[in-house]
Amino acid sequence: MSDETFGDTEPEDAWDATDPTIVLIDNLFRRLFLLEHRDMDRAPLFDSLLFDIENRLRPIQARREDQALSDRDMLRLAQLEEDLAFVRERDERGHQVSH
């Protein structure tokens, strides 16, 4: 056992159910990284969420290759891919949601 006293003084340990869902998810990841003794400033916080988005995109990308998407969906897919790459890069650089 540690002699440290525990309190909700660290932002990751404070919980406010009225926070937006994305802030709550960010908080869960931050606490998980603390438990894993990972450097939160260097670890991508949203890697698993972005990975899920990438996996869900694969069948849609395959439909693009088969030319089975409308022009609007082609544009939407291209924009999503571009924005996803931007968010992934930002997350890898350590730019997290601010509380």
N, C-alpha and C. Protein backbone atom coordinates (compact mmCIF):
# COMPACT_ATOMS: atom_id res chain seq x y z
N MET A 1 0.83 -1.18 0.00
CA MET A 1 0.00 0.00 0.00
C MET A 1 0.87 1.24 0.00
N SER A 2 0.39 2.25 -0.63
CA SER A 2 1.09 3.52 -0.72
C SER A 2 0.65 4.43 0.42
N ASP A 3 1.58 5.32 0.82
CA ASP A 3 1.25 6.30 1.85
C ASP A 3 0.55 7.52 1.25
N GLU A 4 0.43 7.55 -0.06
CA GLU A 4 -0.20 8.69 -0.70
C GLU A 4 -1.68 8.76 -0.34
N THR A 5 -2.16 9.97 -0.14
CA THR A 5 -3.60 10.13 0.08
C THR A 5 -4.26 10.30 -1.27
N PHE A 6 -5.42 9.73 -1.39
CA PHE A 6 -6.13 9.77 -2.66
C PHE A 6 -7.20 10.85 -2.61
N GLY A 7 -7.32 11.54 -3.69
CA GLY A 7 -8.38 12.52 -3.82
C GLY A 7 -8.63 12.79 -5.29
N ASP A 8 -9.63 13.53 -5.58
CA ASP A 8 -9.97 13.84 -6.96
C ASP A 8 -9.31 15.13 -7.40
N THR A 9 -8.03 15.28 -7.05
CA THR A 9 -7.32 16.50 -7.41
C THR A 9 -6.75 16.42 -8.81
N GLU A 10 -6.53 15.21 -9.33
CA GLU A 10 -6.05 15.07 -10.70
C GLU A 10 -7.26 15.07 -11.62
N PRO A 11 -7.17 15.80 -12.74
CA PRO A 11 -8.34 15.89 -13.63
C PRO A 11 -8.85 14.54 -14.10
N GLU A 12 -7.94 13.58 -14.28
CA GLU A 12 -8.35 12.26 -14.76
C GLU A 12 -9.20 11.51 -13.73
N ASP A 13 -9.02 11.83 -12.47
CA ASP A 13 -9.76 11.12 -11.43
C ASP A 13 -11.07 11.81 -11.06
N ALA A 14 -11.26 13.01 -11.54
CA ALA A 14 -12.52 13.70 -11.30
C ALA A 14 -13.54 13.23 -12.34
N TRP A 15 -14.77 13.09 -11.95
CA TRP A 15 -15.79 12.59 -12.86
C TRP A 15 -16.99 13.50 -12.76
N ASP A 16 -17.41 14.04 -13.88
CA ASP A 16 -18.58 14.89 -13.91
C ASP A 16 -19.52 14.33 -14.97
N ALA A 17 -20.60 13.72 -14.53
CA ALA A 17 -21.53 13.05 -15.45
C ALA A 17 -22.20 14.02 -16.41
N THR A 18 -22.09 15.31 -16.18
CA THR A 18 -22.68 16.29 -17.09
C THR A 18 -21.73 16.68 -18.22
N ASP A 19 -20.49 16.19 -18.17
CA ASP A 19 -19.55 16.48 -19.26
C ASP A 19 -20.05 15.85 -20.56
N PRO A 20 -19.67 16.42 -21.71
CA PRO A 20 -20.01 15.78 -22.98
C PRO A 20 -19.40 14.38 -23.07
N THR A 21 -20.03 13.50 -23.80
CA THR A 21 -19.58 12.11 -23.90
C THR A 21 -18.13 12.01 -24.32
N ILE A 22 -17.69 12.82 -25.29
CA ILE A 22 -16.31 12.72 -25.75
C ILE A 22 -15.33 13.07 -24.63
N VAL A 23 -15.69 13.98 -23.76
CA VAL A 23 -14.84 14.33 -22.61
C VAL A 23 -14.80 13.16 -21.63
N LEU A 24 -15.93 12.51 -21.42
CA LEU A 24 -15.96 11.34 -20.53
C LEU A 24 -15.09 10.21 -21.09
N ILE A 25 -15.17 9.98 -22.40
CA ILE A 25 -14.35 8.94 -23.02
C ILE A 25 -12.87 9.30 -22.91
N ASP A 26 -12.54 10.55 -23.16
CA ASP A 26 -11.16 11.01 -23.00
C ASP A 26 -10.68 10.75 -21.58
N ASN A 27 -11.53 11.02 -20.62
CA ASN A 27 -11.20 10.80 -19.22
C ASN A 27 -10.92 9.31 -18.95
N LEU A 28 -11.73 8.43 -19.51
CA LEU A 28 -11.51 6.99 -19.33
C LEU A 28 -10.15 6.57 -19.88
N PHE A 29 -9.84 7.05 -21.08
CA PHE A 29 -8.53 6.72 -21.67
C PHE A 29 -7.39 7.26 -20.82
N ARG A 30 -7.52 8.47 -20.32
CA ARG A 30 -6.46 9.06 -19.50
C ARG A 30 -6.22 8.23 -18.24
N ARG A 31 -7.29 7.80 -17.59
CA ARG A 31 -7.11 6.98 -16.39
C ARG A 31 -6.51 5.63 -16.73
N LEU A 32 -6.91 5.06 -17.86
CA LEU A 32 -6.33 3.79 -18.29
C LEU A 32 -4.84 3.94 -18.52
N PHE A 33 -4.42 5.02 -19.20
CA PHE A 33 -3.00 5.25 -19.44
C PHE A 33 -2.24 5.44 -18.13
N LEU A 34 -2.85 6.10 -17.17
CA LEU A 34 -2.20 6.25 -15.87
C LEU A 34 -1.99 4.89 -15.21
N LEU A 35 -3.01 4.04 -15.29
CA LEU A 35 -2.89 2.70 -14.71
C LEU A 35 -1.84 1.86 -15.44
N GLU A 36 -1.68 2.11 -16.74
CA GLU A 36 -0.67 1.39 -17.52
C GLU A 36 0.71 2.03 -17.41
N HIS A 37 0.79 3.14 -16.67
CA HIS A 37 2.05 3.89 -16.50
C HIS A 37 2.61 4.34 -17.84
N ARG A 38 1.71 4.80 -18.72
CA ARG A 38 2.11 5.32 -20.02
C ARG A 38 2.15 6.84 -19.97
N ASP A 39 2.98 7.41 -20.77
CA ASP A 39 3.10 8.86 -20.88
C ASP A 39 1.93 9.38 -21.69
N MET A 40 1.00 10.05 -21.03
CA MET A 40 -0.20 10.52 -21.71
C MET A 40 0.10 11.57 -22.75
N ASP A 41 1.17 12.32 -22.59
CA ASP A 41 1.49 13.36 -23.57
C ASP A 41 2.03 12.76 -24.86
N ARG A 42 2.45 11.50 -24.80
CA ARG A 42 3.02 10.88 -26.00
C ARG A 42 2.16 9.76 -26.55
N ALA A 43 1.24 9.24 -25.75
CA ALA A 43 0.42 8.13 -26.20
C ALA A 43 -0.84 8.64 -26.89
N PRO A 44 -1.17 8.09 -28.06
CA PRO A 44 -2.43 8.49 -28.71
C PRO A 44 -3.62 8.06 -27.86
N LEU A 45 -4.43 9.00 -27.47
CA LEU A 45 -5.56 8.67 -26.59
C LEU A 45 -6.71 8.03 -27.34
N PHE A 46 -6.85 8.37 -28.60
CA PHE A 46 -8.04 7.92 -29.32
C PHE A 46 -7.73 6.85 -30.35
N ASP A 47 -6.60 6.17 -30.21
CA ASP A 47 -6.16 5.17 -31.17
C ASP A 47 -7.22 4.12 -31.42
N SER A 48 -7.83 3.58 -30.37
CA SER A 48 -8.80 2.50 -30.56
C SER A 48 -10.06 3.00 -31.25
N LEU A 49 -10.47 4.23 -30.98
CA LEU A 49 -11.64 4.77 -31.65
C LEU A 49 -11.34 5.02 -33.13
N LEU A 50 -10.18 5.57 -33.42
CA LEU A 50 -9.80 5.82 -34.80
C LEU A 50 -9.63 4.51 -35.56
N PHE A 51 -9.09 3.50 -34.89
CA PHE A 51 -8.94 2.18 -35.50
C PHE A 51 -10.31 1.61 -35.87
N ASP A 52 -11.29 1.80 -35.00
CA ASP A 52 -12.65 1.34 -35.27
C ASP A 52 -13.22 2.05 -36.50
N ILE A 53 -13.01 3.34 -36.59
CA ILE A 53 -13.49 4.09 -37.76
C ILE A 53 -12.82 3.57 -39.03
N GLU A 54 -11.51 3.36 -38.97
CA GLU A 54 -10.78 2.86 -40.14
C GLU A 54 -11.31 1.49 -40.58
N ASN A 55 -11.57 0.61 -39.61
CA ASN A 55 -12.11 -0.72 -39.94
C ASN A 55 -13.48 -0.63 -40.58
N ARG A 56 -14.31 0.27 -40.07
CA ARG A 56 -15.65 0.43 -40.62
C ARG A 56 -15.61 1.05 -42.02
N LEU A 57 -14.56 1.79 -42.31
CA LEU A 57 -14.42 2.41 -43.62
C LEU A 57 -14.03 1.42 -44.71
N ARG A 58 -13.36 0.35 -44.34
CA ARG A 58 -12.83 -0.58 -45.35
C ARG A 58 -13.89 -1.09 -46.33
N PRO A 59 -15.05 -1.56 -45.87
CA PRO A 59 -16.04 -2.03 -46.85
C PRO A 59 -16.56 -0.91 -47.74
N ILE A 60 -16.62 0.31 -47.21
CA ILE A 60 -17.07 1.45 -48.01
C ILE A 60 -16.01 1.79 -49.05
N GLN A 61 -14.75 1.71 -48.65
CA GLN A 61 -13.67 1.95 -49.60
C GLN A 61 -13.68 0.90 -50.71
N ALA A 62 -14.02 -0.33 -50.36
CA ALA A 62 -14.12 -1.39 -51.37
C ALA A 62 -15.25 -1.08 -52.35
N ARG A 63 -16.34 -0.51 -51.85
CA ARG A 63 -17.45 -0.12 -52.73
C ARG A 63 -17.01 1.00 -53.67
N ARG A 64 -16.12 1.86 -53.20
CA ARG A 64 -15.59 2.91 -54.08
C ARG A 64 -14.81 2.27 -55.21
N GLU A 65 -13.99 1.26 -54.87
CA GLU A 65 -13.19 0.58 -55.89
C GLU A 65 -14.08 -0.09 -56.92
N ASP A 66 -15.26 -0.56 -56.48
CA ASP A 66 -16.21 -1.20 -57.39
C ASP A 66 -17.11 -0.18 -58.09
N GLN A 67 -16.85 1.10 -57.84
CA GLN A 67 -17.64 2.20 -58.39
C GLN A 67 -19.12 2.09 -58.02
N ALA A 68 -19.36 1.68 -56.77
CA ALA A 68 -20.72 1.48 -56.29
C ALA A 68 -21.19 2.61 -55.38
N LEU A 69 -20.50 3.75 -55.39
CA LEU A 69 -20.90 4.88 -54.56
C LEU A 69 -21.37 6.02 -55.44
N SER A 70 -22.31 6.77 -54.93
CA SER A 70 -22.77 7.97 -55.64
C SER A 70 -21.66 9.03 -55.59
N ASP A 71 -21.79 10.03 -56.44
CA ASP A 71 -20.81 11.11 -56.43
C ASP A 71 -20.73 11.78 -55.06
N ARG A 72 -21.88 11.99 -54.45
CA ARG A 72 -21.92 12.62 -53.12
C ARG A 72 -21.21 11.73 -52.09
N ASP A 73 -21.46 10.43 -52.13
CA ASP A 73 -20.80 9.52 -51.19
C ASP A 73 -19.30 9.44 -51.45
N MET A 74 -18.90 9.56 -52.71
CA MET A 74 -17.46 9.56 -53.03
C MET A 74 -16.80 10.78 -52.38
N LEU A 75 -17.45 11.93 -52.49
CA LEU A 75 -16.92 13.14 -51.88
C LEU A 75 -16.90 13.02 -50.36
N ARG A 76 -18.00 12.51 -49.80
CA ARG A 76 -18.08 12.34 -48.35
C ARG A 76 -16.98 11.40 -47.85
N LEU A 77 -16.74 10.31 -48.57
CA LEU A 77 -15.70 9.35 -48.20
C LEU A 77 -14.32 10.01 -48.27
N ALA A 78 -14.06 10.75 -49.33
CA ALA A 78 -12.76 11.41 -49.47
C ALA A 78 -12.53 12.41 -48.34
N GLN A 79 -13.56 13.15 -47.99
CA GLN A 79 -13.43 14.11 -46.89
C GLN A 79 -13.22 13.40 -45.56
N LEU A 80 -13.94 12.31 -45.36
CA LEU A 80 -13.78 11.54 -44.11
C LEU A 80 -12.37 10.98 -44.00
N GLU A 81 -11.85 10.45 -45.09
CA GLU A 81 -10.48 9.91 -45.09
C GLU A 81 -9.47 11.01 -44.76
N GLU A 82 -9.65 12.17 -45.35
CA GLU A 82 -8.74 13.29 -45.11
C GLU A 82 -8.82 13.76 -43.65
N ASP A 83 -10.04 13.89 -43.15
CA ASP A 83 -10.22 14.35 -41.77
C ASP A 83 -9.72 13.31 -40.78
N LEU A 84 -9.94 12.04 -41.08
CA LEU A 84 -9.46 10.97 -40.22
C LEU A 84 -7.94 10.99 -40.13
N ALA A 85 -7.27 11.19 -41.24
CA ALA A 85 -5.80 11.27 -41.24
C ALA A 85 -5.34 12.46 -40.40
N PHE A 86 -6.03 13.58 -40.51
CA PHE A 86 -5.69 14.76 -39.72
C PHE A 86 -5.84 14.48 -38.22
N VAL A 87 -6.96 13.87 -37.83
CA VAL A 87 -7.21 13.58 -36.41
C VAL A 87 -6.21 12.56 -35.89
N ARG A 88 -5.91 11.54 -36.69
CA ARG A 88 -4.93 10.52 -36.27
C ARG A 88 -3.57 11.18 -36.03
N GLU A 89 -3.13 12.03 -36.96
CA GLU A 89 -1.85 12.70 -36.80
C GLU A 89 -1.85 13.59 -35.55
N ARG A 90 -2.92 14.31 -35.35
CA ARG A 90 -3.03 15.18 -34.17
C ARG A 90 -2.99 14.36 -32.88
N ASP A 91 -3.71 13.25 -32.87
CA ASP A 91 -3.73 12.39 -31.69
C ASP A 91 -2.34 11.82 -31.42
N GLU A 92 -1.63 11.44 -32.46
CA GLU A 92 -0.29 10.88 -32.29
C GLU A 92 0.70 11.93 -31.78
N ARG A 93 0.44 13.20 -32.10
CA ARG A 93 1.30 14.28 -31.59
C ARG A 93 0.96 14.64 -30.15
N GLY A 94 -0.15 14.13 -29.64
CA GLY A 94 -0.50 14.38 -28.24
C GLY A 94 -1.42 15.54 -28.01
N HIS A 95 -2.20 15.93 -29.00
CA HIS A 95 -3.16 17.02 -28.82
C HIS A 95 -4.50 16.41 -28.40
N GLN A 96 -4.75 16.40 -27.10
CA GLN A 96 -5.96 15.80 -26.59
C GLN A 96 -7.05 16.85 -26.38
N VAL A 97 -8.22 16.34 -26.08
CA VAL A 97 -9.35 17.19 -25.73
C VAL A 97 -9.01 17.93 -24.44
N SER A 98 -9.28 19.21 -24.41
CA SER A 98 -9.03 19.96 -23.17
C SER A 98 -10.28 19.93 -22.31
N HIS A 99 -10.06 19.93 -21.03
CA HIS A 99 -11.18 19.91 -20.08
C HIS A 99 -11.43 21.29 -19.58
